[in-house]
Amino acid sequence: MDLCGRSQRGALREASRKQASPRRWSRVNGWSWPLHTFQAVAWTTLFVLAFANFGIFVPLLPPNWNLVIYGVTGGLFCFHFVVHLLAISIDPAETNVRLKNYSEPVPTFDPSKHTHVIENQYCHLCEVTVNKKAKHCRACNKCVSDFDHHCKWLNNCVGGRNYRCFFCSLVSASASLLFLITILLYVFIQYFVSPEEVRTHPLYEDVSKDTWLLFLPLFPVKTKTLVVLGIGVFVLLLSALSLLLLGHLLIFHLFLMFKKLSTYEYVTQNRCQKTPKVPAGRKELSFKISMPQVAGCPSASPSALSGPGAAPSVTLQLGLLKHSPLLLCWHNPLIPCVCVCAHVV
């Protein structure tokens, strides 16, 4: 089996793939290409719910409530619209990254030269000095100041520069959905208990009981009861689902504020806690693996193993559970894989 030849060809293919990787441009904000599907879903949901609220269901409320509900829901919608736009449009990148003005594409990261993208507060891709909490976002391809997370709904990173706008958009959206659900429940209850309470507009005097008017008072459109009920059920389900998702996210960020953590810090802490710890009762096993010279395979030479002049062997020290088999696979991309099966009694 030509293990040496296959490993060399695999290394050559990997090297050629790295060399062929094109340099990518950094994204400035949420309006930079490519746009995300979740972004379109968020905007569509926003306008559908606003259209249903102002055009269909608020006009069905009693006249003495109309102006108040229009003012409250209209104010929440406008506030949410503004902060949502700001959260998308603000560039959350590091100051030094923004000063470069994105004039050149970002190089491809080469793990053979650097262990991490950011080392000693210097980003090898952005080629600038960054602060301690900055992280290089793979989706935006730039370093984000006080990185929290990359939001697909905004199609933008959330960092120190736009976190307040992001949080305010969560609060305003949740409050707006609560108002809309309350209005819908009131309309449904009144429809089954006392339909006259939601047909108080003067234009209802000239239509039958099975006819409803949409888009009052400016553009009244006649429709049947089933249409109004169908729209109401759809909007109620959409509002409840949206509130469930946004409410969960809002509670999570309130929890992070209480803990004084970012989303990234919370995720990394949980990942470290879930790393399995070394259980008690382990034994240490030391043995030596010798790599013989293989004719026609220069990668198995001493220099390929550990540098010029090094002996072609390596001593491994392992912690093994009692009475448990271990399959050790010591791998170097330039030499064949060596597997040793050991059993500790």
Protein backbone atom coordinates (compact mmCIF):
# COMPACT_ATOMS: atom_id res chain seq x y z
CA MET A 1 0.00 0.00 0.00
CA ASP A 2 1.55 3.29 -1.10
CA LEU A 3 0.90 5.26 2.10
CA CYS A 4 3.88 7.53 1.56
CA GLY A 5 2.83 8.52 -1.94
CA ARG A 6 -0.77 9.14 -0.92
CA SER A 7 0.20 11.33 2.05
CA GLN A 8 2.54 13.39 -0.13
CA ARG A 9 -0.15 13.88 -2.78
CA GLY A 10 -2.65 14.92 -0.09
CA ALA A 11 -0.19 17.48 1.29
CA LEU A 12 0.41 18.86 -2.18
CA ARG A 13 -3.32 19.15 -2.86
CA GLU A 14 -3.84 20.99 0.43
CA ALA A 15 -0.98 23.38 -0.29
CA SER A 16 -2.30 24.13 -3.79
CA ARG A 17 -5.80 24.73 -2.39
CA LYS A 18 -4.42 27.29 0.06
CA GLN A 19 -2.49 29.04 -2.65
CA ALA A 20 -5.56 29.17 -4.91
CA SER A 21 -7.86 30.63 -2.22
CA PRO A 22 -8.88 34.13 -3.33
CA ARG A 23 -8.48 37.10 -1.04
CA ARG A 24 -11.84 38.15 0.37
CA TRP A 25 -13.09 41.67 0.96
CA SER A 26 -14.40 42.70 4.36
CA ARG A 27 -18.08 43.49 4.77
CA VAL A 28 -18.79 47.01 6.04
CA ASN A 29 -22.23 46.48 7.64
CA GLY A 30 -25.51 44.60 7.25
CA TRP A 31 -26.18 46.10 3.82
CA SER A 32 -22.97 44.68 2.33
CA TRP A 33 -23.24 41.74 -0.02
CA PRO A 34 -24.09 38.98 0.32
CA LEU A 35 -27.42 39.69 1.99
CA HIS A 36 -28.81 36.94 4.21
CA THR A 37 -32.17 35.19 3.87
CA PHE A 38 -32.93 35.77 7.56
CA GLN A 39 -32.54 39.51 6.97
CA ALA A 40 -35.26 39.46 4.30
CA VAL A 41 -37.50 37.35 6.57
CA ALA A 42 -37.08 39.85 9.43
CA TRP A 43 -38.03 42.87 7.28
CA THR A 44 -40.96 41.04 5.67
CA THR A 45 -42.33 39.99 9.07
CA LEU A 46 -41.95 43.54 10.39
CA PHE A 47 -43.96 45.13 7.58
CA VAL A 48 -46.62 42.39 7.49
CA LEU A 49 -47.32 42.79 11.21
CA ALA A 50 -47.32 46.59 11.00
CA PHE A 51 -49.68 46.51 8.02
CA ALA A 52 -52.09 44.17 9.82
CA ASN A 53 -51.93 46.18 13.04
CA PHE A 54 -52.58 49.65 11.62
CA GLY A 55 -54.74 48.66 8.65
CA ILE A 56 -56.98 45.91 9.96
CA PHE A 57 -57.17 45.37 13.71
CA VAL A 58 -56.67 48.73 15.43
CA PRO A 59 -59.63 50.24 13.48
CA LEU A 60 -61.85 47.52 15.00
CA LEU A 61 -61.23 48.83 18.52
CA PRO A 62 -63.70 51.16 20.26
CA PRO A 63 -63.38 54.81 19.12
CA ASN A 64 -62.12 56.08 22.48
CA TRP A 65 -59.22 53.59 22.28
CA ASN A 66 -58.18 54.19 18.71
CA LEU A 67 -56.05 57.29 19.14
CA VAL A 68 -54.26 55.89 22.21
CA ILE A 69 -53.47 52.54 20.55
CA TYR A 70 -52.40 54.25 17.34
CA GLY A 71 -50.05 56.48 19.34
CA VAL A 72 -48.52 53.69 21.45
CA THR A 73 -48.09 51.08 18.70
CA GLY A 74 -47.03 53.75 16.18
CA GLY A 75 -44.38 55.07 18.55
CA LEU A 76 -43.04 51.58 19.25
CA PHE A 77 -42.94 50.76 15.55
CA CYS A 78 -41.08 53.96 14.64
CA PHE A 79 -38.59 53.49 17.50
CA HIS A 80 -37.98 49.87 16.53
CA PHE A 81 -37.59 50.83 12.87
CA VAL A 82 -34.92 53.42 13.72
CA VAL A 83 -32.84 51.29 16.11
CA HIS A 84 -33.13 48.27 13.79
CA LEU A 85 -31.77 50.37 10.92
CA LEU A 86 -28.95 51.67 13.10
CA ALA A 87 -27.99 48.17 14.30
CA ILE A 88 -27.71 47.08 10.66
CA SER A 89 -26.02 50.21 9.30
CA ILE A 90 -23.39 50.86 11.99
CA ASP A 91 -19.97 49.40 11.23
CA PRO A 92 -18.95 47.52 14.41
CA ALA A 93 -15.32 47.07 13.33
CA GLU A 94 -12.26 48.10 15.31
CA THR A 95 -11.17 51.72 14.95
CA ASN A 96 -7.93 50.76 13.18
CA VAL A 97 -9.87 48.55 10.77
CA ARG A 98 -12.27 51.37 9.90
CA LEU A 99 -9.36 53.77 9.39
CA LYS A 100 -8.05 51.47 6.64
CA ASN A 101 -11.31 52.18 4.80
CA TYR A 102 -11.45 48.61 3.47
CA SER A 103 -9.26 49.66 0.55
CA GLU A 104 -7.72 46.21 0.06
CA PRO A 105 -8.98 42.62 0.30
CA VAL A 106 -8.07 40.67 3.42
CA PRO A 107 -5.42 37.94 2.98
CA THR A 108 -6.22 34.29 3.60
CA PHE A 109 -5.13 32.96 6.98
CA ASP A 110 -2.13 30.62 6.79
CA PRO A 111 -2.00 28.29 9.84
CA SER A 112 1.55 27.24 8.93
CA LYS A 113 2.75 30.75 9.78
CA HIS A 114 0.51 31.66 12.74
CA THR A 115 -1.30 29.64 15.37
CA HIS A 116 -4.17 32.11 15.78
CA VAL A 117 -5.62 34.93 13.69
CA ILE A 118 -5.10 37.38 16.58
CA GLU A 119 -1.89 37.07 18.58
CA ASN A 120 -0.63 39.60 21.12
CA GLN A 121 -3.53 41.92 20.17
CA TYR A 122 -2.42 41.98 16.54
CA CYS A 123 -4.64 40.60 13.78
CA HIS A 124 -2.65 38.89 11.03
CA LEU A 125 -5.54 39.27 8.57
CA CYS A 126 -6.63 42.86 9.22
CA GLU A 127 -2.94 43.68 9.86
CA VAL A 128 -3.77 46.13 12.64
CA THR A 129 -3.53 46.28 16.42
CA VAL A 130 -6.82 45.50 18.18
CA ASN A 131 -8.15 45.65 21.74
CA LYS A 132 -8.36 42.67 24.08
CA LYS A 133 -12.05 41.95 23.44
CA ALA A 134 -11.84 42.21 19.66
CA LYS A 135 -12.45 39.09 17.59
CA HIS A 136 -12.07 38.45 13.89
CA CYS A 137 -15.49 37.54 12.49
CA ARG A 138 -15.32 34.92 9.75
CA ALA A 139 -18.61 36.05 8.17
CA CYS A 140 -17.73 39.75 8.05
CA ASN A 141 -14.01 39.03 7.58
CA LYS A 142 -12.84 41.79 9.90
CA CYS A 143 -12.03 42.45 13.55
CA VAL A 144 -15.05 43.61 15.57
CA SER A 145 -14.62 45.83 18.61
CA ASP A 146 -15.95 44.25 21.84
CA PHE A 147 -17.32 41.34 19.82
CA ASP A 148 -20.60 39.83 21.06
CA HIS A 149 -21.89 37.69 18.18
CA HIS A 150 -22.69 37.71 14.47
CA CYS A 151 -26.43 38.19 13.96
CA LYS A 152 -27.89 36.62 10.80
CA TRP A 153 -31.15 38.55 11.26
CA LEU A 154 -29.24 41.82 11.03
CA ASN A 155 -26.66 40.37 8.63
CA ASN A 156 -24.14 42.24 10.73
CA CYS A 157 -21.87 41.69 13.70
CA VAL A 158 -23.02 42.93 17.10
CA GLY A 159 -20.21 44.62 18.98
CA GLY A 160 -19.53 47.54 21.26
CA ARG A 161 -20.56 50.16 18.68
CA ASN A 162 -24.05 48.79 17.92
CA TYR A 163 -24.95 46.60 20.91
CA ARG A 164 -27.25 49.22 22.44
CA CYS A 165 -29.18 49.55 19.19
CA PHE A 166 -29.43 45.76 18.95
CA PHE A 167 -30.73 45.49 22.52
CA CYS A 168 -33.22 48.34 22.02
CA SER A 169 -34.52 46.63 18.89
CA LEU A 170 -35.16 43.47 20.95
CA VAL A 171 -37.03 45.41 23.64
CA SER A 172 -39.14 47.48 21.22
CA ALA A 173 -39.99 44.47 19.04
CA SER A 174 -41.06 42.40 22.05
CA ALA A 175 -43.22 45.24 23.40
CA SER A 176 -44.83 45.79 19.98
CA LEU A 177 -45.65 42.09 19.65
CA LEU A 178 -47.20 42.03 23.12
CA PHE A 179 -49.47 44.95 22.17
CA LEU A 180 -50.44 43.31 18.88
CA ILE A 181 -51.26 39.97 20.52
CA THR A 182 -53.36 41.77 23.14
CA ILE A 183 -55.29 43.62 20.40
CA LEU A 184 -55.89 40.40 18.48
CA LEU A 185 -57.13 38.54 21.56
CA TYR A 186 -59.52 41.40 22.36
CA VAL A 187 -60.91 41.38 18.80
CA PHE A 188 -61.40 37.60 18.84
CA ILE A 189 -63.10 37.63 22.24
CA GLN A 190 -65.40 40.49 21.29
CA TYR A 191 -66.27 38.82 17.99
CA PHE A 192 -67.61 35.73 19.77
CA VAL A 193 -69.10 37.55 22.78
CA SER A 194 -70.36 40.86 21.41
CA PRO A 195 -69.62 41.53 17.70
CA GLU A 196 -71.15 45.01 17.88
CA GLU A 197 -68.19 46.16 20.00
CA VAL A 198 -65.81 45.75 17.04
CA ARG A 199 -68.22 47.17 14.45
CA THR A 200 -68.58 50.66 15.86
CA HIS A 201 -67.42 52.63 12.82
CA PRO A 202 -70.29 54.54 11.08
CA LEU A 203 -69.60 52.78 7.76
CA TYR A 204 -70.81 49.47 9.26
CA GLU A 205 -74.37 50.85 9.32
CA ASP A 206 -74.64 50.36 5.55
CA VAL A 207 -73.27 46.79 5.31
CA SER A 208 -74.58 43.38 6.32
CA LYS A 209 -73.50 41.56 9.46
CA ASP A 210 -71.44 39.11 7.42
CA THR A 211 -69.42 41.91 5.79
CA TRP A 212 -66.33 43.45 7.37
CA LEU A 213 -64.37 46.52 6.39
CA LEU A 214 -60.59 46.57 6.17
CA PHE A 215 -58.23 49.58 6.08
CA LEU A 216 -60.59 51.94 7.84
CA PRO A 217 -61.10 54.85 7.79
CA LEU A 218 -59.20 55.93 4.64
CA PHE A 219 -59.57 53.00 2.21
CA PRO A 220 -62.47 50.77 3.32
CA VAL A 221 -62.46 47.39 1.59
CA LYS A 222 -65.38 45.00 2.01
CA THR A 223 -64.64 41.38 2.81
CA LYS A 224 -66.22 38.31 4.41
CA THR A 225 -65.98 37.14 8.01
CA LEU A 226 -63.84 34.12 7.18
CA VAL A 227 -61.23 36.33 5.52
CA VAL A 228 -60.89 38.52 8.61
CA LEU A 229 -60.74 35.48 10.91
CA GLY A 230 -58.15 33.81 8.68
CA ILE A 231 -55.95 36.90 8.65
CA GLY A 232 -56.36 37.23 12.40
CA VAL A 233 -55.31 33.64 13.09
CA PHE A 234 -52.31 33.94 10.77
CA VAL A 235 -51.15 37.21 12.35
CA LEU A 236 -51.69 35.83 15.85
CA LEU A 237 -49.60 32.74 15.17
CA LEU A 238 -46.87 34.78 13.48
CA SER A 239 -46.82 37.25 16.38
CA ALA A 240 -46.69 34.48 18.99
CA LEU A 241 -43.84 32.71 17.20
CA SER A 242 -41.91 35.97 16.81
CA LEU A 243 -42.45 36.87 20.46
CA LEU A 244 -41.27 33.41 21.53
CA LEU A 245 -38.00 33.79 19.61
CA LEU A 246 -37.39 37.43 20.50
CA GLY A 247 -38.46 37.00 24.12
CA HIS A 248 -36.07 34.09 24.56
CA LEU A 249 -33.24 36.16 23.05
CA LEU A 250 -34.13 39.18 25.21
CA ILE A 251 -34.13 37.13 28.42
CA PHE A 252 -30.80 35.59 27.41
CA HIS A 253 -29.19 39.01 26.93
CA LEU A 254 -30.63 40.26 30.22
CA PHE A 255 -28.98 37.23 31.82
CA LEU A 256 -25.69 38.09 30.09
CA MET A 257 -25.93 41.68 31.36
CA PHE A 258 -26.46 40.39 34.89
CA LYS A 259 -23.42 38.13 34.53
CA LYS A 260 -21.43 40.88 32.76
CA LEU A 261 -20.60 38.56 29.88
CA SER A 262 -20.79 38.79 26.13
CA THR A 263 -22.38 36.05 24.04
CA TYR A 264 -18.94 34.98 22.83
CA GLU A 265 -17.57 34.77 26.38
CA TYR A 266 -20.61 32.78 27.52
CA VAL A 267 -20.24 30.28 24.68
CA THR A 268 -16.49 29.82 25.23
CA GLN A 269 -16.97 29.36 28.98
CA ASN A 270 -19.62 26.69 28.43
CA ARG A 271 -17.40 24.97 25.89
CA CYS A 272 -14.55 24.83 28.41
CA GLN A 273 -16.85 23.50 31.14
CA LYS A 274 -18.12 20.73 28.86
CA THR A 275 -14.57 19.56 28.09
CA PRO A 276 -14.26 16.11 29.76
CA LYS A 277 -11.98 16.08 32.77
CA VAL A 278 -9.40 13.33 33.41
CA PRO A 279 -11.11 10.81 35.72
CA ALA A 280 -9.41 9.24 38.69
CA GLY A 281 -7.79 5.84 38.39
CA ARG A 282 -5.61 6.54 35.37
CA LYS A 283 -2.24 4.95 34.83
CA GLU A 284 0.57 6.45 32.86
CA LEU A 285 2.05 4.41 30.05
CA SER A 286 5.29 5.36 28.35
CA PHE A 287 6.53 3.68 25.23
CA LYS A 288 8.63 4.53 22.23
CA ILE A 289 7.52 4.53 18.61
CA SER A 290 10.37 4.15 16.15
CA MET A 291 9.96 5.26 12.57
CA PRO A 292 12.17 3.18 10.28
CA GLN A 293 13.64 4.57 7.13
CA VAL A 294 11.45 3.71 4.15
CA ALA A 295 13.07 3.38 0.79
CA GLY A 296 11.75 5.97 -1.63
CA CYS A 297 9.95 7.90 1.08
CA PRO A 298 11.95 10.95 2.13
CA SER A 299 9.16 12.16 4.39
CA ALA A 300 9.92 9.33 6.83
CA SER A 301 13.49 10.51 7.32
CA PRO A 302 14.70 11.91 10.66
CA SER A 303 14.52 15.46 9.36
CA ALA A 304 10.86 15.04 8.45
CA LEU A 305 10.04 13.83 11.94
CA SER A 306 11.54 16.36 14.27
CA GLY A 307 14.05 18.51 12.48
CA PRO A 308 17.54 18.06 11.08
CA GLY A 309 19.59 15.43 12.81
CA ALA A 310 16.85 14.23 15.12
CA ALA A 311 16.47 10.56 15.91
CA PRO A 312 13.60 8.86 14.11
CA SER A 313 11.70 8.03 17.26
CA VAL A 314 9.35 9.65 19.69
CA THR A 315 8.40 8.78 23.25
CA LEU A 316 4.72 9.15 24.12
CA GLN A 317 3.32 9.31 27.63
CA LEU A 318 -0.38 8.52 27.95
CA GLY A 319 -2.95 8.38 30.72
CA LEU A 320 -4.97 5.17 30.37
CA LEU A 321 -8.01 3.95 32.24
CA LYS A 322 -7.67 0.58 33.92
CA HIS A 323 -8.97 -2.33 31.87
CA SER A 324 -9.73 -0.09 28.91
CA PRO A 325 -8.42 -0.50 25.37
CA LEU A 326 -6.81 2.47 23.67
CA LEU A 327 -6.32 3.08 19.99
CA LEU A 328 -3.54 5.61 19.58
CA CYS A 329 -3.19 7.31 16.23
CA TRP A 330 -0.05 9.44 15.94
CA HIS A 331 -0.35 11.40 12.74
CA ASN A 332 1.90 13.69 10.79
CA PRO A 333 0.58 15.04 7.46
CA LEU A 334 3.88 14.16 5.79
CA ILE A 335 4.30 10.58 7.04
CA PRO A 336 2.09 7.50 7.23
CA CYS A 337 -0.21 7.18 10.23
CA VAL A 338 1.08 4.88 12.99
CA CYS A 339 -1.50 3.12 15.13
CA VAL A 340 -0.76 1.28 18.36
CA CYS A 341 -3.38 -0.65 20.31
CA ALA A 342 -2.64 -1.00 24.01
CA HIS A 343 -4.54 -2.63 26.86
CA VAL A 344 -3.75 -1.86 30.49
CA VAL A 345 -4.46 -4.58 33.02
